[in-house]
N, C-alpha and C. Protein backbone atom coordinates (compact mmCIF):
# COMPACT_ATOMS: atom_id res chain seq x y z
N GLY A 1 0.86 -1.28 -0.01
CA GLY A 1 0.00 -0.02 0.01
C GLY A 1 0.98 1.28 0.02
N GLY A 2 0.10 2.33 -0.24
CA GLY A 2 0.79 3.65 -0.05
C GLY A 2 0.08 4.69 -0.79
N ARG A 3 0.58 5.88 -0.97
CA ARG A 3 -0.15 6.97 -1.58
C ARG A 3 0.70 7.76 -2.55
N ILE A 4 0.26 7.91 -3.65
CA ILE A 4 0.73 8.81 -4.77
C ILE A 4 0.06 10.12 -4.83
N ILE A 5 0.61 11.26 -4.86
CA ILE A 5 0.16 12.52 -5.03
C ILE A 5 0.72 13.20 -6.36
N ASN A 6 -0.17 13.34 -7.25
CA ASN A 6 0.41 13.99 -8.52
C ASN A 6 0.20 15.55 -8.50
N ASN A 7 1.18 16.24 -9.17
CA ASN A 7 1.17 17.60 -9.39
C ASN A 7 0.37 18.20 -10.48
N GLY A 8 -0.86 18.51 -10.46
CA GLY A 8 -1.67 19.01 -11.58
C GLY A 8 -1.49 20.40 -11.62
N SER A 9 -2.59 21.13 -12.38
CA SER A 9 -2.50 22.60 -12.62
C SER A 9 -3.95 23.15 -12.98
N ILE A 10 -4.24 24.24 -12.50
CA ILE A 10 -5.43 24.90 -12.95
C ILE A 10 -5.57 24.97 -14.48
N SER A 11 -4.30 25.02 -15.15
CA SER A 11 -4.33 25.26 -16.40
C SER A 11 -5.06 24.06 -17.28
N ALA A 12 -5.19 22.97 -16.42
CA ALA A 12 -6.05 21.88 -17.25
C ALA A 12 -7.47 22.17 -17.21
N HIS A 13 -7.91 23.11 -16.37
CA HIS A 13 -9.30 23.41 -16.42
C HIS A 13 -9.57 24.80 -17.17
N VAL A 14 -8.69 25.72 -17.07
CA VAL A 14 -8.82 26.99 -17.51
C VAL A 14 -7.40 27.41 -18.12
N PRO A 15 -7.02 27.12 -19.43
CA PRO A 15 -5.72 27.35 -19.86
C PRO A 15 -5.53 28.88 -20.23
N ARG A 16 -4.09 29.12 -20.14
CA ARG A 16 -3.73 30.45 -20.57
C ARG A 16 -3.48 30.46 -22.03
N PRO A 17 -3.48 31.68 -22.70
CA PRO A 17 -3.12 31.68 -24.17
C PRO A 17 -1.75 31.21 -24.37
N GLY A 18 -1.48 30.44 -25.45
CA GLY A 18 -0.21 29.76 -25.77
C GLY A 18 0.37 28.80 -24.84
N SER A 19 -0.48 28.08 -24.17
CA SER A 19 -0.06 27.12 -23.22
C SER A 19 -0.44 25.81 -23.62
N ALA A 20 -0.58 25.32 -24.87
CA ALA A 20 -1.08 24.16 -25.38
C ALA A 20 -0.35 23.02 -24.77
N PRO A 21 1.16 22.88 -24.92
CA PRO A 21 1.95 21.84 -24.47
C PRO A 21 1.81 21.59 -23.03
N TYR A 22 1.83 22.64 -22.13
CA TYR A 22 1.76 22.49 -20.81
C TYR A 22 0.37 21.98 -20.36
N THR A 23 -0.73 22.61 -21.07
CA THR A 23 -2.04 22.17 -20.70
C THR A 23 -2.42 20.80 -20.93
N ALA A 24 -1.87 20.37 -22.13
CA ALA A 24 -1.94 18.88 -22.52
C ALA A 24 -1.35 18.02 -21.68
N ALA A 25 -0.23 18.42 -21.18
CA ALA A 25 0.53 17.63 -20.22
C ALA A 25 -0.29 17.46 -18.94
N LYS A 26 -0.90 18.48 -18.41
CA LYS A 26 -1.61 18.40 -17.14
C LYS A 26 -2.85 17.68 -17.35
N HIS A 27 -3.57 17.80 -18.48
CA HIS A 27 -4.67 16.85 -18.74
C HIS A 27 -4.33 15.42 -18.63
N ALA A 28 -3.19 14.98 -19.24
CA ALA A 28 -2.72 13.77 -19.02
C ALA A 28 -2.45 13.38 -17.71
N VAL A 29 -1.88 14.28 -16.87
CA VAL A 29 -1.58 13.90 -15.36
C VAL A 29 -2.89 13.51 -14.76
N LEU A 30 -4.04 14.19 -15.18
CA LEU A 30 -5.35 14.00 -14.44
C LEU A 30 -5.78 12.56 -14.92
N GLY A 31 -5.58 12.14 -16.19
CA GLY A 31 -5.97 10.74 -16.61
C GLY A 31 -5.08 9.75 -15.81
N LEU A 32 -3.91 9.98 -15.90
CA LEU A 32 -3.04 9.13 -15.20
C LEU A 32 -3.36 8.94 -13.66
N THR A 33 -3.70 10.07 -13.02
CA THR A 33 -4.12 10.07 -11.57
C THR A 33 -5.33 9.17 -11.36
N LYS A 34 -6.43 9.40 -12.33
CA LYS A 34 -7.59 8.40 -12.26
C LYS A 34 -7.32 7.03 -12.37
N CYS A 35 -6.45 6.64 -13.43
CA CYS A 35 -6.14 5.35 -13.66
C CYS A 35 -5.40 4.72 -12.45
N ILE A 36 -4.48 5.44 -11.91
CA ILE A 36 -3.69 4.87 -10.79
C ILE A 36 -4.66 4.66 -9.60
N ALA A 37 -5.44 5.67 -9.35
CA ALA A 37 -6.47 5.54 -8.28
C ALA A 37 -7.44 4.30 -8.32
N LEU A 38 -7.71 3.94 -9.57
CA LEU A 38 -8.55 2.86 -9.86
C LEU A 38 -7.71 1.50 -9.76
N ASP A 39 -6.66 1.41 -10.42
CA ASP A 39 -5.99 0.25 -10.51
C ASP A 39 -5.14 -0.01 -9.24
N GLY A 40 -4.85 1.07 -8.51
CA GLY A 40 -4.23 0.86 -7.20
C GLY A 40 -4.91 0.27 -6.16
N ARG A 41 -6.34 0.34 -6.22
CA ARG A 41 -7.15 -0.25 -5.16
C ARG A 41 -6.72 -1.64 -4.88
N ALA A 42 -6.26 -2.47 -5.77
CA ALA A 42 -5.95 -3.91 -5.60
C ALA A 42 -4.74 -3.91 -4.67
N CYS A 43 -3.88 -3.01 -4.68
CA CYS A 43 -2.74 -2.98 -3.78
C CYS A 43 -2.71 -2.01 -2.72
N ASN A 44 -3.92 -1.59 -2.47
CA ASN A 44 -4.17 -0.55 -1.31
C ASN A 44 -3.26 0.72 -1.64
N VAL A 45 -3.28 1.13 -2.86
CA VAL A 45 -2.49 2.34 -3.12
C VAL A 45 -3.56 3.37 -3.56
N ALA A 46 -3.43 4.50 -2.77
CA ALA A 46 -4.39 5.69 -3.07
C ALA A 46 -3.60 6.65 -3.96
N CYS A 47 -4.33 7.24 -4.97
CA CYS A 47 -3.62 8.22 -5.74
C CYS A 47 -4.66 9.44 -5.85
N GLY A 48 -3.92 10.68 -5.67
CA GLY A 48 -4.82 11.85 -5.93
C GLY A 48 -3.97 12.90 -6.64
N GLN A 49 -4.54 14.06 -6.72
CA GLN A 49 -3.85 15.17 -7.49
C GLN A 49 -4.25 16.55 -6.91
N ILE A 50 -3.11 17.36 -6.86
CA ILE A 50 -3.51 18.80 -6.36
C ILE A 50 -3.24 19.66 -7.64
N ASP A 51 -4.42 20.37 -8.06
CA ASP A 51 -4.21 21.35 -9.00
C ASP A 51 -3.92 22.79 -8.32
N PHE A 52 -2.67 23.08 -8.55
CA PHE A 52 -2.27 24.46 -7.89
C PHE A 52 -2.43 25.63 -8.77
N GLY A 53 -2.84 26.81 -8.32
CA GLY A 53 -2.89 27.91 -9.17
C GLY A 53 -2.08 29.10 -8.57
N ASN A 54 -1.17 29.65 -9.31
CA ASN A 54 -0.27 30.91 -8.93
C ASN A 54 0.39 30.78 -7.75
N VAL A 55 1.11 29.63 -7.57
CA VAL A 55 2.00 29.40 -6.42
C VAL A 55 3.39 30.26 -6.83
N VAL A 56 3.84 30.95 -5.98
CA VAL A 56 5.07 31.63 -6.33
C VAL A 56 6.32 30.59 -6.58
N SER A 57 6.68 30.61 -7.81
CA SER A 57 7.68 29.63 -8.27
C SER A 57 8.44 30.15 -9.36
N ALA A 58 9.59 29.61 -9.86
CA ALA A 58 10.25 29.92 -11.02
C ALA A 58 9.28 29.93 -12.21
N LEU A 59 8.37 28.99 -12.32
CA LEU A 59 7.57 28.88 -13.39
C LEU A 59 6.50 29.92 -13.48
N SER A 60 5.82 30.28 -12.23
CA SER A 60 4.90 31.33 -12.14
C SER A 60 5.44 32.56 -12.25
N MET A 61 6.75 32.89 -11.98
CA MET A 61 7.45 34.15 -12.33
C MET A 61 7.64 34.40 -13.73
N ALA A 62 7.69 33.42 -14.34
CA ALA A 62 7.87 33.42 -15.96
C ALA A 62 6.58 33.70 -16.67
N THR A 63 5.38 33.39 -16.04
CA THR A 63 4.12 33.47 -16.68
C THR A 63 3.40 34.70 -15.99
N ASN A 64 3.68 35.01 -14.74
CA ASN A 64 2.95 36.18 -14.12
C ASN A 64 4.06 37.20 -13.68
N LYS A 65 4.56 37.73 -14.92
CA LYS A 65 5.84 38.61 -14.76
C LYS A 65 5.54 39.85 -13.77
N VAL A 66 6.63 40.06 -12.83
CA VAL A 66 6.41 41.33 -11.96
C VAL A 66 6.35 42.51 -12.82
N GLY A 67 5.34 43.26 -12.53
CA GLY A 67 5.23 44.54 -13.14
C GLY A 67 4.23 44.44 -14.34
N SER A 68 4.38 43.29 -15.04
CA SER A 68 3.42 43.32 -16.49
C SER A 68 2.34 42.30 -16.24
N GLY A 69 2.56 41.32 -15.45
CA GLY A 69 1.48 40.24 -15.21
C GLY A 69 1.46 39.17 -16.20
N ALA A 70 0.34 38.33 -16.07
CA ALA A 70 0.15 37.29 -16.96
C ALA A 70 -0.81 37.49 -18.27
N MET A 71 -0.70 36.80 -19.30
CA MET A 71 -1.50 37.07 -20.54
C MET A 71 -2.76 36.50 -20.03
N GLN A 72 -3.92 37.22 -20.42
CA GLN A 72 -5.31 36.89 -20.25
C GLN A 72 -5.90 36.46 -21.61
N ALA A 73 -7.15 35.86 -21.46
CA ALA A 73 -7.88 35.31 -22.85
C ALA A 73 -8.22 36.45 -23.65
N ASN A 74 -8.32 37.68 -23.09
CA ASN A 74 -8.77 38.89 -24.02
C ASN A 74 -7.57 39.56 -24.54
N GLY A 75 -6.27 38.94 -24.31
CA GLY A 75 -5.12 39.54 -24.98
C GLY A 75 -4.42 40.68 -24.05
N THR A 76 -5.01 40.98 -23.02
CA THR A 76 -4.53 41.92 -22.20
C THR A 76 -3.34 41.29 -21.15
N GLN A 77 -2.62 41.95 -20.39
CA GLN A 77 -1.83 41.52 -19.32
C GLN A 77 -2.40 42.00 -17.99
N MET A 78 -2.33 41.00 -16.99
CA MET A 78 -2.84 41.36 -15.71
C MET A 78 -1.98 40.80 -14.62
N VAL A 79 -1.50 41.51 -13.64
CA VAL A 79 -0.82 40.90 -12.58
C VAL A 79 -1.84 40.18 -11.53
N GLU A 80 -1.54 39.06 -11.47
CA GLU A 80 -2.53 38.10 -10.62
C GLU A 80 -2.05 37.83 -9.23
N PRO A 81 -2.92 37.69 -8.32
CA PRO A 81 -2.61 37.25 -6.95
C PRO A 81 -1.90 36.01 -6.95
N THR A 82 -1.02 35.92 -5.93
CA THR A 82 -0.27 34.61 -5.77
C THR A 82 -0.55 33.97 -4.41
N MET A 83 -0.08 32.81 -4.26
CA MET A 83 -0.01 32.08 -3.03
C MET A 83 1.44 31.59 -2.78
N SER A 84 1.73 31.41 -1.47
CA SER A 84 3.16 31.03 -1.14
C SER A 84 3.34 29.54 -1.38
N MET A 85 4.71 29.21 -1.50
CA MET A 85 5.06 27.86 -1.61
C MET A 85 4.83 27.20 -0.37
N GLU A 86 4.97 27.70 0.81
CA GLU A 86 4.47 27.27 2.06
C GLU A 86 3.02 26.81 2.17
N ASP A 87 2.25 27.49 1.57
CA ASP A 87 0.82 27.09 1.43
C ASP A 87 0.69 25.85 0.64
N ALA A 88 1.27 25.87 -0.35
CA ALA A 88 1.30 24.77 -1.28
C ALA A 88 1.82 23.43 -0.70
N ALA A 89 2.92 23.73 0.14
CA ALA A 89 3.52 22.53 1.00
C ALA A 89 2.58 22.14 2.04
N GLU A 90 1.81 22.99 2.76
CA GLU A 90 0.94 22.56 3.75
C GLU A 90 -0.18 21.81 3.12
N THR A 91 -0.70 22.09 2.03
CA THR A 91 -1.78 21.29 1.37
C THR A 91 -1.27 19.94 1.04
N LEU A 92 -0.10 19.89 0.55
CA LEU A 92 0.58 18.61 0.12
C LEU A 92 0.67 17.75 1.50
N TRP A 93 1.23 18.39 2.50
CA TRP A 93 1.25 17.62 3.75
C TRP A 93 -0.01 17.06 4.35
N THR A 94 -1.00 17.90 4.10
CA THR A 94 -2.41 17.38 4.60
C THR A 94 -2.69 16.16 3.86
N MET A 95 -2.60 15.98 2.52
CA MET A 95 -2.91 14.93 1.84
C MET A 95 -1.96 13.75 2.16
N VAL A 96 -0.75 14.08 2.29
CA VAL A 96 0.19 12.92 2.85
C VAL A 96 -0.30 12.37 4.11
N ASN A 97 -0.82 12.96 5.03
CA ASN A 97 -1.20 12.44 6.37
C ASN A 97 -2.54 11.76 6.28
N LEU A 98 -3.24 11.72 5.40
CA LEU A 98 -4.49 11.00 5.44
C LEU A 98 -4.41 9.46 5.41
N PRO A 99 -5.18 8.88 6.16
CA PRO A 99 -5.15 7.37 6.24
C PRO A 99 -5.46 6.84 4.97
N LEU A 100 -4.91 5.69 4.62
CA LEU A 100 -5.12 5.00 3.22
C LEU A 100 -6.39 4.58 3.14
N THR A 101 -7.38 4.71 4.20
CA THR A 101 -8.72 4.44 3.86
C THR A 101 -9.56 5.60 3.33
N ALA A 102 -8.80 6.81 3.25
CA ALA A 102 -9.45 8.13 2.59
C ALA A 102 -8.69 8.58 1.49
N ASN A 103 -9.25 9.17 0.55
CA ASN A 103 -8.36 9.69 -0.51
C ASN A 103 -9.05 10.98 -1.05
N VAL A 104 -8.15 12.01 -1.40
CA VAL A 104 -8.70 13.24 -2.15
C VAL A 104 -8.27 12.90 -3.71
N LEU A 105 -9.26 12.63 -4.47
CA LEU A 105 -8.87 12.37 -5.92
C LEU A 105 -8.33 13.50 -6.65
N GLN A 106 -8.84 14.66 -6.35
CA GLN A 106 -8.60 15.87 -7.14
C GLN A 106 -8.82 17.17 -6.18
N MET A 107 -7.81 17.97 -5.99
CA MET A 107 -8.20 19.25 -5.30
C MET A 107 -7.61 20.41 -5.87
N THR A 108 -8.12 21.50 -5.96
CA THR A 108 -7.83 22.74 -6.59
C THR A 108 -7.49 23.61 -5.41
N VAL A 109 -6.15 24.27 -5.40
CA VAL A 109 -5.90 25.21 -4.38
C VAL A 109 -5.10 26.39 -5.22
N MET A 110 -5.56 27.55 -4.76
CA MET A 110 -5.06 28.87 -5.44
C MET A 110 -5.16 29.98 -4.59
N ALA A 111 -4.53 30.93 -5.12
CA ALA A 111 -4.60 32.25 -4.40
C ALA A 111 -6.01 32.70 -4.26
N THR A 112 -6.59 33.24 -3.24
CA THR A 112 -7.96 33.58 -2.93
C THR A 112 -8.52 34.42 -4.02
N GLN A 113 -7.89 35.45 -4.37
CA GLN A 113 -8.31 36.36 -5.30
C GLN A 113 -7.88 36.06 -6.85
N MET A 114 -7.35 34.91 -7.14
CA MET A 114 -6.91 34.41 -8.37
C MET A 114 -8.19 34.46 -9.40
N PRO A 115 -7.97 35.08 -10.57
CA PRO A 115 -9.13 35.01 -11.47
C PRO A 115 -9.34 33.57 -12.15
N PHE A 116 -9.73 32.63 -11.42
CA PHE A 116 -9.95 31.27 -12.02
C PHE A 116 -11.48 31.18 -12.37
N VAL A 117 -12.31 31.32 -11.37
CA VAL A 117 -13.76 31.23 -11.61
C VAL A 117 -14.09 32.70 -12.42
N GLY A 118 -14.53 32.42 -13.78
CA GLY A 118 -14.79 33.59 -14.56
C GLY A 118 -13.59 33.94 -15.31
N ARG A 119 -12.66 33.22 -15.40
CA ARG A 119 -11.34 33.48 -16.29
C ARG A 119 -11.90 33.54 -17.61
N GLY A 120 -11.42 34.61 -18.42
CA GLY A 120 -11.70 34.53 -19.89
C GLY A 120 -12.51 35.77 -20.08
């Protein structure tokens, strides 16, 4: 038995312009997560995924550039709210500590003011 936690992305649900390779890869991660969650039952392996949004990291700093922001669906740039790497780690730690009798298949965690709902 054991637990696998995959790193998804909000991009799999609401992509940014010009992100086709990244978004396609994150869709693939979701499919993999669901297959492992199903097939892992026989071995008592739980598998879940966390879809993070705007965690401050090297990747987010490249897409949500300081001063100019991130590309939006309407072609404008907008500086978006972010969340800390510590908040992301705490979320991961919460999933890690679940008993194997419980599983979070998919979780979305983002900066509270991030334009996720209504993006576009």
